[in-house]
């Protein structure tokens, strides 16, 4: 007797029983799922730890640059002058008096009736541009070219030294070719434009000579072809605008104390943020669900131990040997804390001592160099943190393979139960059928016996 569905032959809830057996078997997967979840949480935690350490390393690297402690800042009092301090700048105070600013030269041609009418005669022509202090430039013009085409030819020549445009002054012959020097200063100023075979000539009355900037710095006369004045003050670039003409500005160059203080603050902040991240990851709460992902983790303990050792050791040989001497202390919770007043005093009075403490006389000598070496080892592609991440990722892969194998075994077991239940169902169906047949036979026999009496 064929049974199309479990329980039809026997009348038993074999499907429900099979579902219960499947659920019981799948409980074997739960430990694997929990272990995989824990390892994935560790990988995520390692990633957050790496982010915190990267940020701390950036702050450390900044303090390990000896040139950083020599950086200068500029402050300008007055209008029209801006000062930019470079690496070679030294502290000083400068009075900058500007007589005139640098300007470009310009020159216009006589006017013509239409900018598109042919101007260049038969055989073409050569336009010669003459300057106040540099060699002439020749521009080849072709026969029949208009004012528009002459303009375009000038602008297409990278060595022309001028930019060309057309202005209409509104008169009958109002279209003029206007040339402006591409560089400021007297020598670069356009002086003449000369045509040989073109119905066009310069208008000398429109000529404006290029002009050098003229200024005094602490009473010393300075001339510059550009309004960007470099080299007049060591390591300083002065930028003049039109409003500077006839005015005096005061430029003060001093050590960039604010940048140094910010760098130290960034160092402390990055370390504290990293410690806070570690604190959350290693928190012991007594509850598995709320405890940190890296409770008791050997990698974290090793990293913390190395960094704490570096921070606690002295930097011998300089005026400052300990963090406490610059106003930085370690709190009971393992965080760094700044006494800003003391740090300001050290920056103002002993910046070299601060440089010696953090940067030393080589990349590895100072506190920052020591920390950077440790962080390099930790964050290296083959460092302790990467090895821990790789290890956890390997365990996740193995757990996933184990999950798949276990799931296959469970499905095999459930299928075996299904076949056994199907056999049971068929057997029960046959037994029920036999029982019914025998019952009918007994009933018929009883009826015969009763009729024979």
Protein backbone atom coordinates (compact mmCIF):
# COMPACT_ATOMS: atom_id res chain seq x y z
CA UNK A 1 0.00 0.00 0.00
CA UNK A 2 1.61 3.29 -1.09
CA UNK A 3 1.54 6.16 1.45
CA UNK A 4 1.58 9.64 -0.11
CA UNK A 5 2.11 11.61 3.13
CA UNK A 6 3.42 10.77 6.58
CA UNK A 7 0.70 9.84 9.04
CA UNK A 8 -1.98 9.03 6.46
CA UNK A 9 -1.59 5.31 6.89
CA UNK A 10 -1.13 5.23 10.64
CA UNK A 11 -3.14 8.27 11.69
CA UNK A 12 -0.15 9.42 13.76
CA UNK A 13 1.29 13.00 13.67
CA UNK A 14 4.54 11.82 12.16
CA UNK A 15 5.24 15.21 10.44
CA UNK A 16 5.03 17.00 13.78
CA UNK A 17 7.32 14.41 15.34
CA UNK A 18 9.77 14.81 12.45
CA UNK A 19 9.80 18.60 12.93
CA UNK A 20 10.56 18.14 16.63
CA UNK A 21 13.42 15.78 15.82
CA UNK A 22 14.79 18.27 13.22
CA UNK A 23 14.69 21.12 15.78
CA UNK A 24 16.47 18.94 18.32
CA UNK A 25 19.16 18.01 15.81
CA UNK A 26 19.67 21.64 14.75
CA UNK A 27 20.50 22.56 18.34
CA UNK A 28 23.89 21.06 17.51
CA UNK A 29 24.48 24.10 15.25
CA UNK A 30 23.94 26.67 18.02
CA UNK A 31 27.41 26.39 19.63
CA UNK A 32 28.99 26.83 16.20
CA UNK A 33 26.85 29.92 15.50
CA UNK A 34 27.75 31.41 18.88
CA UNK A 35 31.48 30.80 18.36
CA UNK A 36 31.31 32.30 14.86
CA UNK A 37 29.45 35.37 16.16
CA UNK A 38 32.07 35.85 18.88
CA UNK A 39 34.94 35.63 16.38
CA UNK A 40 33.23 38.07 14.00
CA UNK A 41 32.71 40.47 16.91
CA UNK A 42 36.43 40.17 17.73
CA UNK A 43 37.37 40.97 14.13
CA UNK A 44 35.15 44.06 14.23
CA UNK A 45 36.68 45.09 17.56
CA UNK A 46 40.20 44.63 16.20
CA UNK A 47 39.23 46.91 13.31
CA UNK A 48 38.06 49.65 15.69
CA UNK A 49 41.24 49.23 17.71
CA UNK A 50 43.31 49.59 14.56
CA UNK A 51 41.46 52.79 13.66
CA UNK A 52 42.22 54.24 17.10
CA UNK A 53 45.88 53.22 16.88
CA UNK A 54 46.18 54.72 13.37
CA UNK A 55 44.89 58.05 14.66
CA UNK A 56 47.28 57.92 17.60
CA UNK A 57 50.14 57.09 15.23
CA UNK A 58 49.34 60.16 13.10
CA UNK A 59 49.55 62.38 16.18
CA UNK A 60 52.80 60.72 17.25
CA UNK A 61 54.37 61.12 13.79
CA UNK A 62 53.64 64.84 13.80
CA UNK A 63 55.53 65.27 17.08
CA UNK A 64 58.42 63.13 15.80
CA UNK A 65 59.25 65.67 13.06
CA UNK A 66 62.08 67.89 14.32
CA UNK A 67 61.35 70.57 11.70
CA UNK A 68 57.83 70.97 13.09
CA UNK A 69 59.25 72.65 16.20
CA UNK A 70 60.94 75.30 14.02
CA UNK A 71 57.75 76.31 12.23
CA UNK A 72 56.91 80.00 12.29
CA UNK A 73 53.69 81.94 12.01
CA UNK A 74 53.13 85.43 10.65
CA UNK A 75 50.85 88.17 11.87
CA UNK A 76 50.21 91.36 9.90
CA UNK A 77 48.83 94.63 11.23
CA UNK A 78 47.74 96.93 8.43
CA UNK A 79 46.00 96.78 5.06
CA UNK A 80 47.07 95.43 1.70
CA UNK A 81 49.92 93.17 2.86
CA UNK A 82 49.87 89.44 3.56
CA UNK A 83 52.87 87.46 4.83
CA UNK A 84 53.46 83.72 4.50
CA UNK A 85 56.16 82.14 6.67
CA UNK A 86 58.18 79.31 5.10
CA UNK A 87 60.51 76.70 6.60
CA UNK A 88 63.50 79.09 6.62
CA UNK A 89 61.72 81.94 8.36
CA UNK A 90 63.20 83.34 11.56
CA UNK A 91 61.54 85.37 14.29
CA UNK A 92 61.47 89.12 13.71
CA UNK A 93 59.41 92.30 13.35
CA UNK A 94 59.29 94.23 10.09
CA UNK A 95 57.76 97.55 9.04
CA UNK A 96 56.67 97.32 5.40
CA UNK A 97 55.95 100.67 3.66
CA UNK A 98 54.56 100.38 0.12
CA UNK A 99 55.12 103.30 -2.27
CA UNK A 100 53.57 101.64 -5.30
CA UNK A 101 52.40 98.17 -6.30
CA UNK A 102 53.46 96.30 -9.44
CA UNK A 103 51.26 96.68 -12.52
CA UNK A 104 51.12 95.24 -16.02
CA UNK A 105 51.66 97.36 -19.13
CA UNK A 106 49.01 97.89 -21.84
CA UNK A 107 48.68 99.35 -25.31
CA UNK A 108 45.81 99.74 -27.80
CA UNK A 109 45.69 100.08 -31.58
CA UNK A 110 43.91 102.64 -33.70
CA UNK A 111 40.28 101.80 -34.37
CA UNK A 112 38.70 100.09 -37.38
CA UNK A 113 35.08 100.00 -38.56
CA UNK A 114 34.53 96.26 -38.24
CA UNK A 115 36.56 93.59 -36.42
CA UNK A 116 35.77 91.01 -39.09
CA UNK A 117 36.92 93.06 -42.14
CA UNK A 118 40.21 92.00 -43.84
CA UNK A 119 43.20 94.04 -42.62
CA UNK A 120 46.36 92.16 -43.56
CA UNK A 121 47.68 93.01 -47.03
CA UNK A 122 48.91 90.78 -49.83
CA UNK A 123 51.65 88.35 -48.86
CA UNK A 124 50.84 88.58 -45.16
CA UNK A 125 52.63 90.54 -42.48
CA UNK A 126 54.62 90.34 -39.24
CA UNK A 127 53.43 92.00 -36.06
CA UNK A 128 56.37 92.96 -33.87
CA UNK A 129 55.75 93.38 -30.14
CA UNK A 130 58.37 95.41 -28.29
CA UNK A 131 58.84 95.45 -24.52
CA UNK A 132 60.57 97.75 -22.09
CA UNK A 133 63.18 95.30 -20.90
CA UNK A 134 63.10 92.05 -22.88
CA UNK A 135 63.46 90.84 -26.46
CA UNK A 136 60.93 91.63 -29.18
CA UNK A 137 58.39 89.00 -30.22
CA UNK A 138 57.26 88.51 -33.84
CA UNK A 139 53.77 87.23 -34.70
CA UNK A 140 53.20 85.96 -38.27
CA UNK A 141 49.97 87.25 -39.87
CA UNK A 142 48.37 85.79 -42.97
CA UNK A 143 46.97 87.69 -45.95
CA UNK A 144 43.36 88.82 -45.53
CA UNK A 145 43.21 88.31 -41.78
CA UNK A 146 40.77 90.48 -39.82
CA UNK A 147 41.24 92.13 -36.43
CA UNK A 148 39.57 89.10 -34.83
CA UNK A 149 42.10 86.76 -36.45
CA UNK A 150 45.04 88.96 -35.44
CA UNK A 151 43.81 88.80 -31.84
CA UNK A 152 43.49 85.02 -32.02
CA UNK A 153 47.00 84.64 -33.47
CA UNK A 154 48.51 86.65 -30.61
CA UNK A 155 46.66 84.64 -27.96
CA UNK A 156 47.69 81.36 -29.60
CA UNK A 157 51.41 82.20 -29.27
CA UNK A 158 52.68 81.02 -25.84
CA UNK A 159 55.68 83.35 -26.12
CA UNK A 160 53.74 86.50 -27.02
CA UNK A 161 54.09 88.01 -23.53
CA UNK A 162 50.70 89.69 -23.87
CA UNK A 163 47.04 88.78 -23.94
CA UNK A 164 44.94 90.35 -26.71
CA UNK A 165 41.33 91.48 -26.67
CA UNK A 166 39.06 93.75 -28.71
CA UNK A 167 37.27 96.77 -27.29
CA UNK A 168 34.64 98.86 -29.09
CA UNK A 169 34.81 102.53 -27.99
CA UNK A 170 31.49 103.33 -29.68
CA UNK A 171 32.84 105.57 -32.46
CA UNK A 172 32.57 104.95 -36.21
CA UNK A 173 35.98 103.26 -36.18
CA UNK A 174 35.59 101.94 -32.68
CA UNK A 175 37.09 98.42 -32.79
CA UNK A 176 40.51 98.45 -31.14
CA UNK A 177 43.07 95.72 -30.47
CA UNK A 178 44.12 95.96 -26.81
CA UNK A 179 47.29 94.26 -25.51
CA UNK A 180 47.95 93.61 -21.82
CA UNK A 181 51.26 92.25 -20.56
CA UNK A 182 50.91 88.79 -19.01
CA UNK A 183 53.45 89.66 -16.32
CA UNK A 184 53.67 92.72 -14.10
CA UNK A 185 56.73 94.93 -13.77
CA UNK A 186 58.45 97.52 -15.92
CA UNK A 187 60.62 95.15 -18.00
CA UNK A 188 57.67 92.93 -19.00
CA UNK A 189 55.52 95.91 -19.99
CA UNK A 190 54.47 96.21 -23.66
CA UNK A 191 56.05 99.28 -25.32
CA UNK A 192 55.18 99.18 -29.03
CA UNK A 193 53.23 97.16 -31.60
CA UNK A 194 54.51 97.50 -35.17
CA UNK A 195 52.70 96.44 -38.37
CA UNK A 196 54.34 96.46 -41.82
CA UNK A 197 51.59 95.46 -44.27
CA UNK A 198 48.40 95.75 -42.23
CA UNK A 199 45.80 98.53 -42.19
CA UNK A 200 46.32 99.01 -38.48
CA UNK A 201 48.63 101.04 -36.23
CA UNK A 202 49.19 101.53 -32.53
CA UNK A 203 47.63 104.42 -30.64
CA UNK A 204 50.58 105.74 -28.62
CA UNK A 205 48.27 107.83 -26.43
CA UNK A 206 46.86 104.66 -24.86
CA UNK A 207 50.23 103.31 -23.74
CA UNK A 208 50.53 102.48 -20.03
CA UNK A 209 53.97 101.29 -18.97
CA UNK A 210 54.45 98.31 -16.69
CA UNK A 211 55.34 99.22 -13.12
CA UNK A 212 57.51 97.59 -10.48
CA UNK A 213 56.44 97.39 -6.87
CA UNK A 214 58.37 99.82 -4.70
CA UNK A 215 58.51 99.37 -0.93
CA UNK A 216 60.71 99.73 2.14
CA UNK A 217 61.29 97.02 4.74
CA UNK A 218 62.66 98.48 7.98
CA UNK A 219 63.91 101.44 5.94
CA UNK A 220 65.58 99.34 3.22
CA UNK A 221 64.36 100.09 -0.32
CA UNK A 222 63.05 97.06 -2.21
CA UNK A 223 61.97 96.77 -5.83
CA UNK A 224 59.96 93.85 -7.19
CA UNK A 225 58.51 93.17 -10.62
CA UNK A 226 55.72 91.22 -8.96
CA UNK A 227 53.35 91.90 -6.09
CA UNK A 228 54.49 88.57 -4.68
CA UNK A 229 57.75 89.63 -3.04
CA UNK A 230 60.03 86.69 -2.26
CA UNK A 231 63.51 86.76 -0.75
CA UNK A 232 63.34 90.27 0.66
CA UNK A 233 62.84 88.78 4.14
CA UNK A 234 64.38 85.36 4.79
CA UNK A 235 61.77 82.62 4.49
CA UNK A 236 58.90 85.12 4.11
CA UNK A 237 56.72 85.74 1.06
CA UNK A 238 54.95 89.10 1.02
CA UNK A 239 51.82 89.52 -1.07
CA UNK A 240 50.69 93.06 -1.95
CA UNK A 241 47.30 94.09 -3.23
CA UNK A 242 46.14 97.41 -4.68
CA UNK A 243 45.09 98.78 -1.29
CA UNK A 244 48.70 98.54 0.00
CA UNK A 245 49.88 101.51 -2.08
CA UNK A 246 50.91 104.42 0.14
CA UNK A 247 50.43 102.46 3.39
CA UNK A 248 52.60 100.85 6.06
CA UNK A 249 52.00 97.44 7.63
CA UNK A 250 53.74 95.66 10.50
CA UNK A 251 54.74 92.02 9.97
CA UNK A 252 55.61 89.95 13.04
CA UNK A 253 57.21 86.52 12.60
CA UNK A 254 57.32 84.27 15.67
CA UNK A 255 57.32 80.62 16.58
CA UNK A 256 54.00 78.91 15.93
CA UNK A 257 53.26 78.14 19.57
CA UNK A 258 49.58 77.50 18.89
CA UNK A 259 50.35 74.78 16.35
CA UNK A 260 52.73 73.12 18.81
CA UNK A 261 50.15 73.18 21.59
CA UNK A 262 47.49 71.78 19.25
CA UNK A 263 49.83 68.94 18.26
CA UNK A 264 50.38 67.99 21.91
CA UNK A 265 46.63 68.20 22.57
CA UNK A 266 45.95 65.98 19.54
CA UNK A 267 48.47 63.49 20.91
CA UNK A 268 46.72 63.36 24.29
CA UNK A 269 43.24 63.23 22.75
CA UNK A 270 44.14 60.43 20.33
CA UNK A 271 45.69 58.38 23.14
CA UNK A 272 42.67 58.86 25.41
CA UNK A 273 40.24 57.95 22.62
CA UNK A 274 42.22 54.80 21.94
CA UNK A 275 42.18 53.93 25.66
CA UNK A 276 38.42 54.49 25.79
CA UNK A 277 37.96 52.16 22.82
CA UNK A 278 40.06 49.50 24.56
CA UNK A 279 38.12 50.04 27.78
CA UNK A 280 34.81 49.31 26.08
CA UNK A 281 36.22 46.24 24.34
CA UNK A 282 37.64 44.74 27.54
CA UNK A 283 34.80 45.67 29.91
CA UNK A 284 33.89 42.89 32.37
CA UNK A 285 30.17 43.11 33.21
CA UNK A 286 29.38 39.62 34.43
CA UNK A 287 27.01 39.23 31.47
CA UNK A 288 28.21 37.58 28.27
CA UNK A 289 25.89 39.70 26.12
CA UNK A 290 27.09 43.06 27.50
CA UNK A 291 30.75 42.25 28.15
CA UNK A 292 33.44 43.62 25.84
CA UNK A 293 34.38 41.67 22.73
CA UNK A 294 38.05 41.41 23.74
CA UNK A 295 37.83 40.59 27.44
CA UNK A 296 41.08 38.91 28.44
CA UNK A 297 42.47 39.17 24.91
CA UNK A 298 46.23 38.66 24.87
CA UNK A 299 46.77 40.95 21.85
CA UNK A 300 45.15 43.91 23.61
CA UNK A 301 47.10 43.25 26.80
CA UNK A 302 50.37 43.16 24.85
CA UNK A 303 49.65 46.41 23.00
CA UNK A 304 48.63 48.22 26.18
CA UNK A 305 51.68 46.94 28.02
CA UNK A 306 54.07 48.14 25.31
CA UNK A 307 52.51 51.60 25.01
CA UNK A 308 52.32 52.05 28.79
CA UNK A 309 55.97 51.07 29.07
CA UNK A 310 56.97 53.62 26.43
CA UNK A 311 54.94 56.41 28.06
CA UNK A 312 56.31 55.70 31.51
CA UNK A 313 60.00 55.56 30.60
CA UNK A 314 62.24 58.61 30.85
CA UNK A 315 63.76 60.38 27.87
CA UNK A 316 67.24 61.02 29.19
CA UNK A 317 69.61 63.77 28.15
CA UNK A 318 67.35 66.80 27.78
CA UNK A 319 65.81 69.50 29.94
CA UNK A 320 62.53 67.58 29.89
CA UNK A 321 62.69 63.87 30.73
CA UNK A 322 59.12 63.09 31.85
CA UNK A 323 55.62 64.04 30.73
CA UNK A 324 54.95 65.57 34.13
CA UNK A 325 57.56 68.26 33.46
CA UNK A 326 55.39 69.65 30.65
CA UNK A 327 52.11 69.36 32.54
CA UNK A 328 50.92 65.96 31.29
CA UNK A 329 49.94 63.38 33.90
CA UNK A 330 48.44 59.90 33.95
CA UNK A 331 45.05 59.60 35.69
CA UNK A 332 44.05 56.56 37.81
CA UNK A 333 41.91 55.41 34.87
CA UNK A 334 44.94 55.32 32.60
CA UNK A 335 44.09 58.49 30.66
CA UNK A 336 46.43 61.40 29.97
CA UNK A 337 45.52 64.81 31.38
CA UNK A 338 46.97 68.23 30.47
CA UNK A 339 47.74 71.13 32.78
CA UNK A 340 47.37 73.77 30.07
CA UNK A 341 48.99 76.57 32.07
CA UNK A 342 52.13 74.49 32.60
CA UNK A 343 52.21 73.36 28.98
CA UNK A 344 51.86 76.98 27.78
CA UNK A 345 54.78 77.96 29.99
CA UNK A 346 57.01 75.20 28.61
CA UNK A 347 56.12 76.06 25.01
CA UNK A 348 56.85 79.74 25.62
CA UNK A 349 60.08 79.31 27.56
CA UNK A 350 61.60 76.02 26.43
CA UNK A 351 60.33 74.90 23.00
CA UNK A 352 63.69 73.25 22.31
CA UNK A 353 63.29 71.12 25.43
CA UNK A 354 59.91 70.01 24.12
CA UNK A 355 61.47 69.17 20.75
CA UNK A 356 64.24 67.17 22.42
CA UNK A 357 61.71 65.24 24.51
CA UNK A 358 59.39 64.26 21.65
CA UNK A 359 61.65 64.21 18.56
CA UNK A 360 65.15 63.86 19.99
CA UNK A 361 68.15 63.97 17.70
CA UNK A 362 67.01 61.05 15.53
CA UNK A 363 63.77 59.38 14.48
CA UNK A 364 63.96 56.84 17.32
CA UNK A 365 65.56 58.93 20.08
CA UNK A 366 62.63 60.86 21.54
CA UNK A 367 59.36 59.81 23.12
CA UNK A 368 57.48 60.14 19.82
CA UNK A 369 60.13 58.08 18.05
CA UNK A 370 59.89 55.38 20.68
CA UNK A 371 56.10 55.25 20.41
CA UNK A 372 56.21 55.33 16.63
CA UNK A 373 58.54 52.31 16.57
CA UNK A 374 56.14 50.39 18.83
CA UNK A 375 53.11 51.38 16.74
CA UNK A 376 54.91 50.39 13.54
CA UNK A 377 55.48 46.92 14.99
CA UNK A 378 51.86 46.65 16.12
CA UNK A 379 50.29 47.97 12.90
CA UNK A 380 52.71 46.42 10.43
CA UNK A 381 51.26 44.08 7.80
CA UNK A 382 52.86 41.25 9.74
CA UNK A 383 52.41 42.82 13.18
CA UNK A 384 50.63 41.45 16.20
CA UNK A 385 47.28 43.08 15.37
CA UNK A 386 47.21 41.83 11.78
CA UNK A 387 48.15 38.33 12.94
CA UNK A 388 45.28 38.38 15.45
CA UNK A 389 42.82 39.51 12.78
CA UNK A 390 44.06 36.80 10.40
CA UNK A 391 43.76 34.21 13.16
CA UNK A 392 40.14 35.15 13.92
CA UNK A 393 39.26 35.22 10.23
CA UNK A 394 40.75 31.74 9.88
CA UNK A 395 38.64 30.48 12.79
CA UNK A 396 35.51 31.98 11.22
CA UNK A 397 36.25 30.14 7.96
CA UNK A 398 36.76 26.86 9.81
CA UNK A 399 33.56 27.37 11.81
CA UNK A 400 31.61 28.04 8.63
CA UNK A 401 32.95 24.82 7.12
CA UNK A 402 32.06 22.96 10.32
CA UNK A 403 28.57 24.51 10.22
CA UNK A 404 28.05 23.28 6.66
CA UNK A 405 29.29 19.76 7.47
CA UNK A 406 27.12 19.57 10.59
CA UNK A 407 24.11 20.84 8.68
CA UNK A 408 24.59 18.14 6.04
CA UNK A 409 24.81 15.47 8.75
CA UNK A 410 21.62 16.81 10.36
CA UNK A 411 19.77 16.73 7.07
CA UNK A 412 20.98 13.16 6.55
CA UNK A 413 19.75 12.17 9.99
CA UNK A 414 16.36 13.81 9.40
CA UNK A 415 16.05 12.05 6.06
CA UNK A 416 16.79 8.74 7.74
CA UNK A 417 14.03 9.48 10.29
CA UNK A 418 11.70 10.34 7.43
CA UNK A 419 12.32 6.98 5.73
CA UNK A 420 11.86 5.11 9.00
CA UNK A 421 8.61 6.97 9.67
CA UNK A 422 7.44 6.20 6.14
CA UNK A 423 8.16 2.49 6.74
CA UNK A 424 6.34 2.66 10.08
CA UNK A 425 3.41 4.41 8.46
CA UNK A 426 3.18 1.76 5.72
CA UNK A 427 3.42 -1.07 8.22
CA UNK A 428 0.73 0.48 10.42
CA UNK A 429 -1.45 0.93 7.36
CA UNK A 430 -1.08 -2.75 6.47
CA UNK A 431 -1.79 -3.77 10.05
CA UNK A 432 -4.89 -1.57 10.14
CA UNK A 433 -6.04 -3.03 6.86
CA UNK A 434 -5.52 -6.60 8.10
CA UNK A 435 -7.29 -5.79 11.33
CA UNK A 436 -10.28 -4.41 9.43
CA UNK A 437 -10.40 -7.49 7.18
CA UNK A 438 -10.27 -9.88 10.11
CA UNK A 439 -12.97 -7.89 11.85
CA UNK A 440 -15.23 -8.27 8.81
CA UNK A 441 -14.56 -12.01 8.66
CA UNK A 442 -15.36 -12.48 12.33
CA UNK A 443 -18.55 -10.49 11.92
CA UNK A 444 -19.63 -12.66 8.97
CA UNK A 445 -18.81 -15.88 10.86
CA UNK A 446 -20.81 -14.74 13.87
CA UNK A 447 -23.75 -13.93 11.64
CA UNK A 448 -23.68 -17.42 10.04
CA UNK A 449 -23.48 -19.15 13.37
CA UNK A 450 -26.44 -17.16 14.64
CA UNK A 451 -28.56 -18.06 11.59
CA UNK A 452 -27.86 -21.83 11.94
CA UNK A 453 -29.32 -22.08 15.41
